[in-house]
Amino acid sequence: MKNVVICIVLCVSFFSVGFALQCYRCQKPEASCLQTCGKIEDSCLKLSDTGGTVLHQQCIQNVDCDISKLSHRFDVSDFKFHCCNTDLCNSGTVTALSKSLLSLITGLTVFWMCLM
């Protein structure tokens, strides 16, 4: 019975923890360029020129991921942009596992171990 109570407490405390979105804020995706987004910033932005050179990477509100808003904000006339909402998704490379998937797998593993 003691193990069940401990497992329940661990599971509840584990899933109650929130994660802030992380985005790259640099020219090259390196660990030193990570930015933790604020409460209202729910997306990552990668803005590039038409040749593919990255001009801006940062956290942004999803409602601002609009071509007219971005052209005024960054004073760039001809560009491509990508907005996304998973950790480090604005790197241009595929990221391994998102925190939410990792949390789910870890939580299920803890739960399974408690049943044994």
PDB file of N, CA and C in Angstrom:
ATOM      1  N   MET A   1       0.825  -1.195   0.000  1.00  0.00           N
ATOM      2  CA  MET A   1       0.000   0.000   0.000  1.00  0.00           C
ATOM      3  C   MET A   1       0.868   1.257   0.000  1.00  0.00           C
ATOM      4  N   LYS A   2       1.984   1.181   0.714  1.00  0.00           N
ATOM      5  CA  LYS A   2       2.894   2.317   0.790  1.00  0.00           C
ATOM      6  C   LYS A   2       3.446   2.661  -0.596  1.00  0.00           C
ATOM      7  N   ASN A   3       3.800   1.638  -1.376  1.00  0.00           N
ATOM      8  CA  ASN A   3       4.329   1.859  -2.724  1.00  0.00           C
ATOM      9  C   ASN A   3       3.296   2.509  -3.633  1.00  0.00           C
ATOM     10  N   VAL A   4       2.044   2.128  -3.501  1.00  0.00           N
ATOM     11  CA  VAL A   4       0.983   2.709  -4.326  1.00  0.00           C
ATOM     12  C   VAL A   4       0.836   4.193  -4.027  1.00  0.00           C
ATOM     13  N   VAL A   5       0.858   4.565  -2.757  1.00  0.00           N
ATOM     14  CA  VAL A   5       0.735   5.973  -2.364  1.00  0.00           C
ATOM     15  C   VAL A   5       1.918   6.776  -2.900  1.00  0.00           C
ATOM     16  N   ILE A   6       3.109   6.234  -2.781  1.00  0.00           N
ATOM     17  CA  ILE A   6       4.301   6.911  -3.298  1.00  0.00           C
ATOM     18  C   ILE A   6       4.198   7.090  -4.806  1.00  0.00           C
ATOM     19  N   CYS A   7       3.755   6.070  -5.516  1.00  0.00           N
ATOM     20  CA  CYS A   7       3.607   6.158  -6.973  1.00  0.00           C
ATOM     21  C   CYS A   7       2.575   7.206  -7.367  1.00  0.00           C
ATOM     22  N   ILE A   8       1.470   7.261  -6.652  1.00  0.00           N
ATOM     23  CA  ILE A   8       0.436   8.251  -6.965  1.00  0.00           C
ATOM     24  C   ILE A   8       0.970   9.658  -6.739  1.00  0.00           C
ATOM     25  N   VAL A   9       1.668   9.872  -5.640  1.00  0.00           N
ATOM     26  CA  VAL A   9       2.242  11.193  -5.353  1.00  0.00           C
ATOM     27  C   VAL A   9       3.254  11.577  -6.426  1.00  0.00           C
ATOM     28  N   LEU A  10       4.107  10.639  -6.818  1.00  0.00           N
ATOM     29  CA  LEU A  10       5.089  10.918  -7.866  1.00  0.00           C
ATOM     30  C   LEU A  10       4.421  11.252  -9.194  1.00  0.00           C
ATOM     31  N   CYS A  11       3.418  10.485  -9.572  1.00  0.00           N
ATOM     32  CA  CYS A  11       2.722  10.717 -10.844  1.00  0.00           C
ATOM     33  C   CYS A  11       2.012  12.065 -10.851  1.00  0.00           C
ATOM     34  N   VAL A  12       1.332  12.393  -9.764  1.00  0.00           N
ATOM     35  CA  VAL A  12       0.611  13.669  -9.700  1.00  0.00           C
ATOM     36  C   VAL A  12       1.586  14.835  -9.739  1.00  0.00           C
ATOM     37  N   SER A  13       2.675  14.749  -8.979  1.00  0.00           N
ATOM     38  CA  SER A  13       3.637  15.848  -8.973  1.00  0.00           C
ATOM     39  C   SER A  13       4.357  15.951 -10.307  1.00  0.00           C
ATOM     40  N   PHE A  14       4.604  14.825 -10.953  1.00  0.00           N
ATOM     41  CA  PHE A  14       5.293  14.833 -12.240  1.00  0.00           C
ATOM     42  C   PHE A  14       4.456  15.502 -13.314  1.00  0.00           C
ATOM     43  N   PHE A  15       3.159  15.159 -13.384  1.00  0.00           N
ATOM     44  CA  PHE A  15       2.313  15.699 -14.435  1.00  0.00           C
ATOM     45  C   PHE A  15       1.810  17.101 -14.139  1.00  0.00           C
ATOM     46  N   SER A  16       1.960  17.577 -12.911  1.00  0.00           N
ATOM     47  CA  SER A  16       1.514  18.931 -12.610  1.00  0.00           C
ATOM     48  C   SER A  16       2.557  19.971 -12.984  1.00  0.00           C
ATOM     49  N   VAL A  17       3.775  19.537 -13.261  1.00  0.00           N
ATOM     50  CA  VAL A  17       4.829  20.466 -13.634  1.00  0.00           C
ATOM     51  C   VAL A  17       4.597  20.946 -15.059  1.00  0.00           C
ATOM     52  N   GLY A  18       4.643  22.254 -15.258  1.00  0.00           N
ATOM     53  CA  GLY A  18       4.463  22.813 -16.593  1.00  0.00           C
ATOM     54  C   GLY A  18       5.809  23.064 -17.247  1.00  0.00           C
ATOM     55  N   PHE A  19       5.810  23.071 -18.552  1.00  0.00           N
ATOM     56  CA  PHE A  19       7.033  23.326 -19.288  1.00  0.00           C
ATOM     57  C   PHE A  19       6.858  24.579 -20.125  1.00  0.00           C
ATOM     58  N   ALA A  20       7.847  25.446 -20.109  1.00  0.00           N
ATOM     59  CA  ALA A  20       7.828  26.622 -20.967  1.00  0.00           C
ATOM     60  C   ALA A  20       8.440  26.241 -22.311  1.00  0.00           C
ATOM     61  N   LEU A  21       7.915  26.832 -23.348  1.00  0.00           N
ATOM     62  CA  LEU A  21       8.422  26.585 -24.695  1.00  0.00           C
ATOM     63  C   LEU A  21       9.834  27.145 -24.818  1.00  0.00           C
ATOM     64  N   GLN A  22      10.704  26.424 -25.513  1.00  0.00           N
ATOM     65  CA  GLN A  22      12.049  26.905 -25.797  1.00  0.00           C
ATOM     66  C   GLN A  22      12.224  27.032 -27.298  1.00  0.00           C
ATOM     67  N   CYS A  23      12.859  28.129 -27.705  1.00  0.00           N
ATOM     68  CA  CYS A  23      13.130  28.393 -29.121  1.00  0.00           C
ATOM     69  C   CYS A  23      14.589  28.807 -29.277  1.00  0.00           C
ATOM     70  N   TYR A  24      15.086  28.674 -30.508  1.00  0.00           N
ATOM     71  CA  TYR A  24      16.402  29.213 -30.814  1.00  0.00           C
ATOM     72  C   TYR A  24      16.268  30.704 -31.055  1.00  0.00           C
ATOM     73  N   ARG A  25      17.287  31.452 -30.632  1.00  0.00           N
ATOM     74  CA  ARG A  25      17.336  32.887 -30.871  1.00  0.00           C
ATOM     75  C   ARG A  25      18.763  33.214 -31.317  1.00  0.00           C
ATOM     76  N   CYS A  26      19.112  32.774 -32.518  1.00  0.00           N
ATOM     77  CA  CYS A  26      20.463  32.979 -33.019  1.00  0.00           C
ATOM     78  C   CYS A  26      20.515  32.619 -34.503  1.00  0.00           C
ATOM     79  N   GLN A  27      21.688  32.776 -35.095  1.00  0.00           N
ATOM     80  CA  GLN A  27      21.862  32.432 -36.501  1.00  0.00           C
ATOM     81  C   GLN A  27      22.090  30.938 -36.694  1.00  0.00           C
ATOM     82  N   LYS A  28      22.801  30.308 -35.765  1.00  0.00           N
ATOM     83  CA  LYS A  28      23.073  28.874 -35.859  1.00  0.00           C
ATOM     84  C   LYS A  28      22.502  28.198 -34.620  1.00  0.00           C
ATOM     85  N   PRO A  29      21.811  27.061 -34.783  1.00  0.00           N
ATOM     86  CA  PRO A  29      21.216  26.392 -33.620  1.00  0.00           C
ATOM     87  C   PRO A  29      22.267  25.775 -32.700  1.00  0.00           C
ATOM     88  N   GLU A  30      22.612  26.508 -31.644  1.00  0.00           N
ATOM     89  CA  GLU A  30      23.567  26.040 -30.657  1.00  0.00           C
ATOM     90  C   GLU A  30      22.926  26.161 -29.281  1.00  0.00           C
ATOM     91  N   ALA A  31      23.455  25.449 -28.328  1.00  0.00           N
ATOM     92  CA  ALA A  31      22.870  25.468 -26.982  1.00  0.00           C
ATOM     93  C   ALA A  31      22.896  26.863 -26.369  1.00  0.00           C
ATOM     94  N   SER A  32      23.914  27.664 -26.681  1.00  0.00           N
ATOM     95  CA  SER A  32      24.022  29.003 -26.104  1.00  0.00           C
ATOM     96  C   SER A  32      22.968  29.955 -26.649  1.00  0.00           C
ATOM     97  N   CYS A  33      22.258  29.562 -27.669  1.00  0.00           N
ATOM     98  CA  CYS A  33      21.265  30.420 -28.303  1.00  0.00           C
ATOM     99  C   CYS A  33      19.842  30.097 -27.874  1.00  0.00           C
ATOM    100  N   LEU A  34      19.668  29.277 -26.869  1.00  0.00           N
ATOM    101  CA  LEU A  34      18.324  28.897 -26.450  1.00  0.00           C
ATOM    102  C   LEU A  34      17.638  30.044 -25.722  1.00  0.00           C
ATOM    103  N   GLN A  35      16.350  30.190 -25.974  1.00  0.00           N
ATOM    104  CA  GLN A  35      15.538  31.201 -25.315  1.00  0.00           C
ATOM    105  C   GLN A  35      14.311  30.512 -24.732  1.00  0.00           C
ATOM    106  N   THR A  36      14.029  30.762 -23.469  1.00  0.00           N
ATOM    107  CA  THR A  36      12.799  30.271 -22.854  1.00  0.00           C
ATOM    108  C   THR A  36      11.733  31.329 -23.068  1.00  0.00           C
ATOM    109  N   CYS A  37      10.641  30.938 -23.673  1.00  0.00           N
ATOM    110  CA  CYS A  37       9.591  31.892 -24.042  1.00  0.00           C
ATOM    111  C   CYS A  37       8.802  32.342 -22.818  1.00  0.00           C
ATOM    112  N   GLY A  38       8.248  33.533 -22.928  1.00  0.00           N
ATOM    113  CA  GLY A  38       7.386  34.061 -21.882  1.00  0.00           C
ATOM    114  C   GLY A  38       6.016  33.404 -21.925  1.00  0.00           C
ATOM    115  N   LYS A  39       5.170  33.778 -20.971  1.00  0.00           N
ATOM    116  CA  LYS A  39       3.853  33.149 -20.847  1.00  0.00           C
ATOM    117  C   LYS A  39       2.984  33.343 -22.084  1.00  0.00           C
ATOM    118  N   ILE A  40       3.064  34.505 -22.722  1.00  0.00           N
ATOM    119  CA  ILE A  40       2.182  34.772 -23.866  1.00  0.00           C
ATOM    120  C   ILE A  40       2.797  34.348 -25.194  1.00  0.00           C
ATOM    121  N   GLU A  41       4.071  34.002 -25.183  1.00  0.00           N
ATOM    122  CA  GLU A  41       4.735  33.576 -26.417  1.00  0.00           C
ATOM    123  C   GLU A  41       4.549  32.069 -26.567  1.00  0.00           C
ATOM    124  N   ASP A  42       3.695  31.679 -27.493  1.00  0.00           N
ATOM    125  CA  ASP A  42       3.323  30.276 -27.638  1.00  0.00           C
ATOM    126  C   ASP A  42       3.862  29.629 -28.905  1.00  0.00           C
ATOM    127  N   SER A  43       4.766  30.323 -29.605  1.00  0.00           N
ATOM    128  CA  SER A  43       5.314  29.795 -30.857  1.00  0.00           C
ATOM    129  C   SER A  43       6.770  30.194 -31.008  1.00  0.00           C
ATOM    130  N   CYS A  44       7.456  29.467 -31.879  1.00  0.00           N
ATOM    131  CA  CYS A  44       8.817  29.810 -32.279  1.00  0.00           C
ATOM    132  C   CYS A  44       8.758  30.309 -33.719  1.00  0.00           C
ATOM    133  N   LEU A  45       9.607  31.253 -34.042  1.00  0.00           N
ATOM    134  CA  LEU A  45       9.656  31.833 -35.383  1.00  0.00           C
ATOM    135  C   LEU A  45      11.036  31.633 -35.980  1.00  0.00           C
ATOM    136  N   LYS A  46      11.060  31.267 -37.255  1.00  0.00           N
ATOM    137  CA  LYS A  46      12.287  31.307 -38.044  1.00  0.00           C
ATOM    138  C   LYS A  46      11.962  32.104 -39.289  1.00  0.00           C
ATOM    139  N   LEU A  47      12.643  33.222 -39.475  1.00  0.00           N
ATOM    140  CA  LEU A  47      12.419  34.097 -40.622  1.00  0.00           C
ATOM    141  C   LEU A  47      13.686  34.102 -41.466  1.00  0.00           C
ATOM    142  N   SER A  48      13.561  33.794 -42.756  1.00  0.00           N
ATOM    143  CA  SER A  48      14.710  33.682 -43.661  1.00  0.00           C
ATOM    144  C   SER A  48      14.487  34.538 -44.890  1.00  0.00           C
ATOM    145  N   ASP A  49      15.597  34.919 -45.535  1.00  0.00           N
ATOM    146  CA  ASP A  49      15.438  35.576 -46.832  1.00  0.00           C
ATOM    147  C   ASP A  49      15.116  34.508 -47.872  1.00  0.00           C
ATOM    148  N   THR A  50      14.830  34.917 -49.089  1.00  0.00           N
ATOM    149  CA  THR A  50      14.415  33.949 -50.113  1.00  0.00           C
ATOM    150  C   THR A  50      15.534  32.988 -50.496  1.00  0.00           C
ATOM    151  N   GLY A  51      16.771  33.331 -50.170  1.00  0.00           N
ATOM    152  CA  GLY A  51      17.893  32.438 -50.434  1.00  0.00           C
ATOM    153  C   GLY A  51      18.098  31.397 -49.353  1.00  0.00           C
ATOM    154  N   GLY A  52      17.357  31.521 -48.256  1.00  0.00           N
ATOM    155  CA  GLY A  52      17.453  30.549 -47.181  1.00  0.00           C
ATOM    156  C   GLY A  52      18.298  30.987 -45.996  1.00  0.00           C
ATOM    157  N   THR A  53      18.909  32.181 -46.076  1.00  0.00           N
ATOM    158  CA  THR A  53      19.700  32.678 -44.954  1.00  0.00           C
ATOM    159  C   THR A  53      18.777  33.083 -43.814  1.00  0.00           C
ATOM    160  N   VAL A  54      19.021  32.536 -42.642  1.00  0.00           N
ATOM    161  CA  VAL A  54      18.180  32.837 -41.482  1.00  0.00           C
ATOM    162  C   VAL A  54      18.467  34.257 -41.011  1.00  0.00           C
ATOM    163  N   LEU A  55      17.401  35.052 -40.912  1.00  0.00           N
ATOM    164  CA  LEU A  55      17.521  36.432 -40.466  1.00  0.00           C
ATOM    165  C   LEU A  55      17.138  36.590 -38.998  1.00  0.00           C
ATOM    166  N   HIS A  56      16.112  35.878 -38.561  1.00  0.00           N
ATOM    167  CA  HIS A  56      15.635  35.978 -37.181  1.00  0.00           C
ATOM    168  C   HIS A  56      15.119  34.624 -36.706  1.00  0.00           C
ATOM    169  N   GLN A  57      15.439  34.309 -35.469  1.00  0.00           N
ATOM    170  CA  GLN A  57      14.873  33.156 -34.766  1.00  0.00           C
ATOM    171  C   GLN A  57      14.519  33.644 -33.375  1.00  0.00           C
ATOM    172  N   GLN A  58      13.298  33.350 -32.932  1.00  0.00           N
ATOM    173  CA  GLN A  58      12.892  33.828 -31.615  1.00  0.00           C
ATOM    174  C   GLN A  58      11.544  33.271 -31.205  1.00  0.00           C
ATOM    175  N   CYS A  59      11.153  33.569 -29.963  1.00  0.00           N
ATOM    176  CA  CYS A  59       9.808  33.275 -29.476  1.00  0.00           C
ATOM    177  C   CYS A  59       8.859  34.346 -30.006  1.00  0.00           C
ATOM    178  N   ILE A  60       7.615  33.967 -30.215  1.00  0.00           N
ATOM    179  CA  ILE A  60       6.630  34.902 -30.750  1.00  0.00           C
ATOM    180  C   ILE A  60       5.227  34.407 -30.383  1.00  0.00           C
ATOM    181  N   GLN A  61       4.274  35.309 -30.384  1.00  0.00           N
ATOM    182  CA  GLN A  61       2.879  34.901 -30.221  1.00  0.00           C
ATOM    183  C   GLN A  61       2.382  34.358 -31.551  1.00  0.00           C
ATOM    184  N   ASN A  62       1.600  33.308 -31.506  1.00  0.00           N
ATOM    185  CA  ASN A  62       1.096  32.694 -32.731  1.00  0.00           C
ATOM    186  C   ASN A  62       0.255  33.668 -33.553  1.00  0.00           C
ATOM    187  N   VAL A  63      -0.462  34.564 -32.893  1.00  0.00           N
ATOM    188  CA  VAL A  63      -1.293  35.533 -33.623  1.00  0.00           C
ATOM    189  C   VAL A  63      -0.448  36.497 -34.442  1.00  0.00           C
ATOM    190  N   ASP A  64       0.845  36.623 -34.119  1.00  0.00           N
ATOM    191  CA  ASP A  64       1.741  37.500 -34.876  1.00  0.00           C
ATOM    192  C   ASP A  64       2.436  36.780 -36.025  1.00  0.00           C
ATOM    193  N   CYS A  65       2.171  35.498 -36.199  1.00  0.00           N
ATOM    194  CA  CYS A  65       2.755  34.728 -37.304  1.00  0.00           C
ATOM    195  C   CYS A  65       1.934  34.960 -38.564  1.00  0.00           C
ATOM    196  N   ASP A  66       2.035  36.152 -39.054  1.00  0.00           N
ATOM    197  CA  ASP A  66       1.269  36.606 -40.210  1.00  0.00           C
ATOM    198  C   ASP A  66       2.216  37.418 -41.082  1.00  0.00           C
ATOM    199  N   ILE A  67       2.166  37.221 -42.388  1.00  0.00           N
ATOM    200  CA  ILE A  67       3.133  37.861 -43.283  1.00  0.00           C
ATOM    201  C   ILE A  67       3.103  39.383 -43.190  1.00  0.00           C
ATOM    202  N   SER A  68       1.930  39.976 -43.053  1.00  0.00           N
ATOM    203  CA  SER A  68       1.868  41.441 -42.974  1.00  0.00           C
ATOM    204  C   SER A  68       2.412  41.947 -41.637  1.00  0.00           C
ATOM    205  N   LYS A  69       2.104  41.259 -40.549  1.00  0.00           N
ATOM    206  CA  LYS A  69       2.625  41.672 -39.239  1.00  0.00           C
ATOM    207  C   LYS A  69       4.141  41.513 -39.176  1.00  0.00           C
ATOM    208  N   LEU A  70       4.652  40.412 -39.722  1.00  0.00           N
ATOM    209  CA  LEU A  70       6.091  40.173 -39.686  1.00  0.00           C
ATOM    210  C   LEU A  70       6.851  41.154 -40.565  1.00  0.00           C
ATOM    211  N   SER A  71       6.298  41.511 -41.721  1.00  0.00           N
ATOM    212  CA  SER A  71       6.994  42.458 -42.599  1.00  0.00           C
ATOM    213  C   SER A  71       7.099  43.835 -41.959  1.00  0.00           C
ATOM    214  N   HIS A  72       6.096  44.230 -41.186  1.00  0.00           N
ATOM    215  CA  HIS A  72       6.174  45.507 -40.474  1.00  0.00           C
ATOM    216  C   HIS A  72       7.119  45.420 -39.275  1.00  0.00           C
ATOM    217  N   ARG A  73       7.069  44.316 -38.594  1.00  0.00           N
ATOM    218  CA  ARG A  73       7.869  44.146 -37.377  1.00  0.00           C
ATOM    219  C   ARG A  73       9.359  44.077 -37.666  1.00  0.00           C
ATOM    220  N   PHE A  74       9.739  43.401 -38.751  1.00  0.00           N
ATOM    221  CA  PHE A  74      11.153  43.190 -39.042  1.00  0.00           C
ATOM    222  C   PHE A  74      11.669  44.040 -40.196  1.00  0.00           C
ATOM    223  N   ASP A  75      10.814  44.815 -40.810  1.00  0.00           N
ATOM    224  CA  ASP A  75      11.200  45.704 -41.905  1.00  0.00           C
ATOM    225  C   ASP A  75      11.980  44.947 -42.991  1.00  0.00           C
ATOM    226  N   VAL A  76      11.414  43.827 -43.407  1.00  0.00           N
ATOM    227  CA  VAL A  76      11.992  42.996 -44.461  1.00  0.00           C
ATOM    228  C   VAL A  76      10.941  42.861 -45.549  1.00  0.00           C
ATOM    229  N   SER A  77      11.352  43.007 -46.809  1.00  0.00           N
ATOM    230  CA  SER A  77      10.350  42.992 -47.878  1.00  0.00           C
ATOM    231  C   SER A  77      10.103  41.597 -48.460  1.00  0.00           C
ATOM    232  N   ASP A  78      11.137  40.831 -48.711  1.00  0.00           N
ATOM    233  CA  ASP A  78      10.987  39.538 -49.371  1.00  0.00           C
ATOM    234  C   ASP A  78      11.565  38.449 -48.468  1.00  0.00           C
ATOM    235  N   PHE A  79      10.706  37.628 -47.871  1.00  0.00           N
ATOM    236  CA  PHE A  79      11.171  36.646 -46.901  1.00  0.00           C
ATOM    237  C   PHE A  79      10.248  35.436 -46.850  1.00  0.00           C
ATOM    238  N   LYS A  80      10.766  34.383 -46.213  1.00  0.00           N
ATOM    239  CA  LYS A  80       9.985  33.187 -45.884  1.00  0.00           C
ATOM    240  C   LYS A  80       9.972  33.092 -44.369  1.00  0.00           C
ATOM    241  N   PHE A  81       8.892  32.511 -43.823  1.00  0.00           N
ATOM    242  CA  PHE A  81       8.870  32.334 -42.375  1.00  0.00           C
ATOM    243  C   PHE A  81       8.214  31.013 -42.014  1.00  0.00           C
ATOM    244  N   HIS A  82       8.564  30.553 -40.831  1.00  0.00           N
ATOM    245  CA  HIS A  82       8.003  29.309 -40.309  1.00  0.00           C
ATOM    246  C   HIS A  82       7.724  29.519 -38.829  1.00  0.00           C
ATOM    247  N   CYS A  83       6.486  29.310 -38.418  1.00  0.00           N
ATOM    248  CA  CYS A  83       6.104  29.359 -37.012  1.00  0.00           C
ATOM    249  C   CYS A  83       5.695  27.957 -36.577  1.00  0.00           C
ATOM    250  N   CYS A  84       6.093  27.576 -35.373  1.00  0.00           N
ATOM    251  CA  CYS A  84       5.806  26.239 -34.862  1.00  0.00           C
ATOM    252  C   CYS A  84       5.670  26.322 -33.346  1.00  0.00           C
ATOM    253  N   ASN A  85       5.199  25.253 -32.721  1.00  0.00           N
ATOM    254  CA  ASN A  85       4.917  25.346 -31.288  1.00  0.00           C
ATOM    255  C   ASN A  85       5.452  24.177 -30.458  1.00  0.00           C
ATOM    256  N   THR A  86       6.562  23.614 -30.883  1.00  0.00           N
ATOM    257  CA  THR A  86       7.226  22.596 -30.071  1.00  0.00           C
ATOM    258  C   THR A  86       8.645  23.067 -29.780  1.00  0.00           C
ATOM    259  N   ASP A  87       9.248  22.530 -28.741  1.00  0.00           N
ATOM    260  CA  ASP A  87      10.577  22.973 -28.330  1.00  0.00           C
ATOM    261  C   ASP A  87      11.594  22.888 -29.459  1.00  0.00           C
ATOM    262  N   LEU A  88      12.299  23.984 -29.654  1.00  0.00           N
ATOM    263  CA  LEU A  88      13.415  24.094 -30.592  1.00  0.00           C
ATOM    264  C   LEU A  88      13.035  23.739 -32.022  1.00  0.00           C
ATOM    265  N   CYS A  89      11.795  23.976 -32.371  1.00  0.00           N
ATOM    266  CA  CYS A  89      11.309  23.631 -33.712  1.00  0.00           C
ATOM    267  C   CYS A  89      11.728  24.646 -34.764  1.00  0.00           C
ATOM    268  N   ASN A  90      12.311  25.768 -34.375  1.00  0.00           N
ATOM    269  CA  ASN A  90      12.704  26.782 -35.350  1.00  0.00           C
ATOM    270  C   ASN A  90      14.178  26.680 -35.734  1.00  0.00           C
ATOM    271  N   SER A  91      14.743  25.481 -35.629  1.00  0.00           N
ATOM    272  CA  SER A  91      16.161  25.302 -35.937  1.00  0.00           C
ATOM    273  C   SER A  91      16.424  25.004 -37.403  1.00  0.00           C
ATOM    274  N   GLY A  92      15.458  24.438 -38.074  1.00  0.00           N
ATOM    275  CA  GLY A  92      15.685  24.003 -39.443  1.00  0.00           C
ATOM    276  C   GLY A  92      16.107  22.547 -39.501  1.00  0.00           C
ATOM    277  N   THR A  93      16.375  21.963 -38.343  1.00  0.00           N
ATOM    278  CA  THR A  93      16.711  20.544 -38.275  1.00  0.00           C
ATOM    279  C   THR A  93      15.627  19.834 -37.481  1.00  0.00           C
ATOM    280  N   VAL A  94      15.542  18.541 -37.652  1.00  0.00           N
ATOM    281  CA  VAL A  94      14.535  17.756 -36.947  1.00  0.00           C
ATOM    282  C   VAL A  94      15.007  17.529 -35.517  1.00  0.00           C
ATOM    283  N   THR A  95      14.149  17.837 -34.541  1.00  0.00           N
ATOM    284  CA  THR A  95      14.493  17.587 -33.145  1.00  0.00           C
ATOM    285  C   THR A  95      14.037  16.187 -32.771  1.00  0.00           C
ATOM    286  N   ALA A  96      14.704  15.607 -31.801  1.00  0.00           N
ATOM    287  CA  ALA A  96      14.433  14.220 -31.440  1.00  0.00           C
ATOM    288  C   ALA A  96      13.059  14.053 -30.807  1.00  0.00           C
ATOM    289  N   LEU A  97      12.931  14.247 -29.532  1.00  0.00           N
ATOM    290  CA  LEU A  97      11.666  14.054 -28.832  1.00  0.00           C
ATOM    291  C   LEU A  97      11.246  15.358 -28.175  1.00  0.00           C
ATOM    292  N   SER A  98       9.996  15.661 -28.262  1.00  0.00           N
ATOM    293  CA  SER A  98       9.506  16.842 -27.565  1.00  0.00           C
ATOM    294  C   SER A  98       9.381  16.530 -26.082  1.00  0.00           C
ATOM    295  N   LYS A  99       9.329  17.577 -25.262  1.00  0.00           N
ATOM    296  CA  LYS A  99       9.212  17.373 -23.818  1.00  0.00           C
ATOM    297  C   LYS A  99       7.912  16.686 -23.459  1.00  0.00           C
ATOM    298  N   SER A 100       6.850  17.004 -24.171  1.00  0.00           N
ATOM    299  CA  SER A 100       5.569  16.392 -23.827  1.00  0.00           C
ATOM    300  C   SER A 100       5.587  14.890 -24.097  1.00  0.00           C
ATOM    301  N   LEU A 101       6.168  14.463 -25.199  1.00  0.00           N
ATOM    302  CA  LEU A 101       6.266  13.035 -25.489  1.00  0.00           C
ATOM    303  C   LEU A 101       7.186  12.349 -24.482  1.00  0.00           C
ATOM    304  N   LEU A 102       8.286  12.995 -24.168  1.00  0.00           N
ATOM    305  CA  LEU A 102       9.206  12.441 -23.184  1.00  0.00           C
ATOM    306  C   LEU A 102       8.533  12.332 -21.820  1.00  0.00           C
ATOM    307  N   SER A 103       7.745  13.328 -21.456  1.00  0.00           N
ATOM    308  CA  SER A 103       7.002  13.295 -20.188  1.00  0.00           C
ATOM    309  C   SER A 103       6.010  12.146 -20.169  1.00  0.00           C
ATOM    310  N   LEU A 104       5.304  11.955 -21.265  1.00  0.00           N
ATOM    311  CA  LEU A 104       4.331  10.871 -21.346  1.00  0.00           C
ATOM    312  C   LEU A 104       5.005   9.513 -21.189  1.00  0.00           C
ATOM    313  N   ILE A 105       6.091   9.308 -21.897  1.00  0.00           N
ATOM    314  CA  ILE A 105       6.809   8.033 -21.826  1.00  0.00           C
ATOM    315  C   ILE A 105       7.342   7.795 -20.413  1.00  0.00           C
ATOM    316  N   THR A 106       7.918   8.830 -19.810  1.00  0.00           N
ATOM    317  CA  THR A 106       8.443   8.695 -18.454  1.00  0.00           C
ATOM    318  C   THR A 106       7.328   8.417 -17.457  1.00  0.00           C
ATOM    319  N   GLY A 107       6.221   9.131 -17.588  1.00  0.00           N
ATOM    320  CA  GLY A 107       5.086   8.920 -16.693  1.00  0.00           C
ATOM    321  C   GLY A 107       4.519   7.522 -16.795  1.00  0.00           C
ATOM    322  N   LEU A 108       4.379   7.028 -18.015  1.00  0.00           N
ATOM    323  CA  LEU A 108       3.874   5.666 -18.206  1.00  0.00           C
ATOM    324  C   LEU A 108       4.838   4.630 -17.641  1.00  0.00           C
ATOM    325  N   THR A 109       6.133   4.890 -17.780  1.00  0.00           N
ATOM    326  CA  THR A 109       7.133   3.979 -17.231  1.00  0.00           C
ATOM    327  C   THR A 109       7.053   3.935 -15.707  1.00  0.00           C
ATOM    328  N   VAL A 110       6.938   5.118 -15.086  1.00  0.00           N
ATOM    329  CA  VAL A 110       6.810   5.175 -13.623  1.00  0.00           C
ATOM    330  C   VAL A 110       5.549   4.444 -13.179  1.00  0.00           C
ATOM    331  N   PHE A 111       4.445   4.685 -13.871  1.00  0.00           N
ATOM    332  CA  PHE A 111       3.182   4.032 -13.527  1.00  0.00           C
ATOM    333  C   PHE A 111       3.300   2.515 -13.652  1.00  0.00           C
ATOM    334  N   TRP A 112       3.910   2.046 -14.740  1.00  0.00           N
ATOM    335  CA  TRP A 112       4.085   0.613 -14.962  1.00  0.00           C
ATOM    336  C   TRP A 112       4.961  -0.007 -13.869  1.00  0.00           C
ATOM    337  N   MET A 113       6.029   0.716 -13.483  1.00  0.00           N
ATOM    338  CA  MET A 113       6.925   0.207 -12.446  1.00  0.00           C
ATOM    339  C   MET A 113       6.215   0.127 -11.095  1.00  0.00           C
ATOM    340  N   CYS A 114       5.287   1.048 -10.854  1.00  0.00           N
ATOM    341  CA  CYS A 114       4.542   1.032  -9.587  1.00  0.00           C
ATOM    342  C   CYS A 114       3.599  -0.166  -9.508  1.00  0.00           C
ATOM    343  N   LEU A 115       3.127  -0.620 -10.652  1.00  0.00           N
ATOM    344  CA  LEU A 115       2.209  -1.758 -10.666  1.00  0.00           C
ATOM    345  C   LEU A 115       2.921  -3.079 -10.424  1.00  0.00           C
ATOM    346  N   MET A 116       4.199  -3.111 -10.650  1.00  0.00           N
ATOM    347  CA  MET A 116       4.954  -4.358 -10.513  1.00  0.00           C
ATOM    348  C   MET A 116       5.242  -4.683  -9.084  1.00  0.00           C
TER     349      MET A 116
END
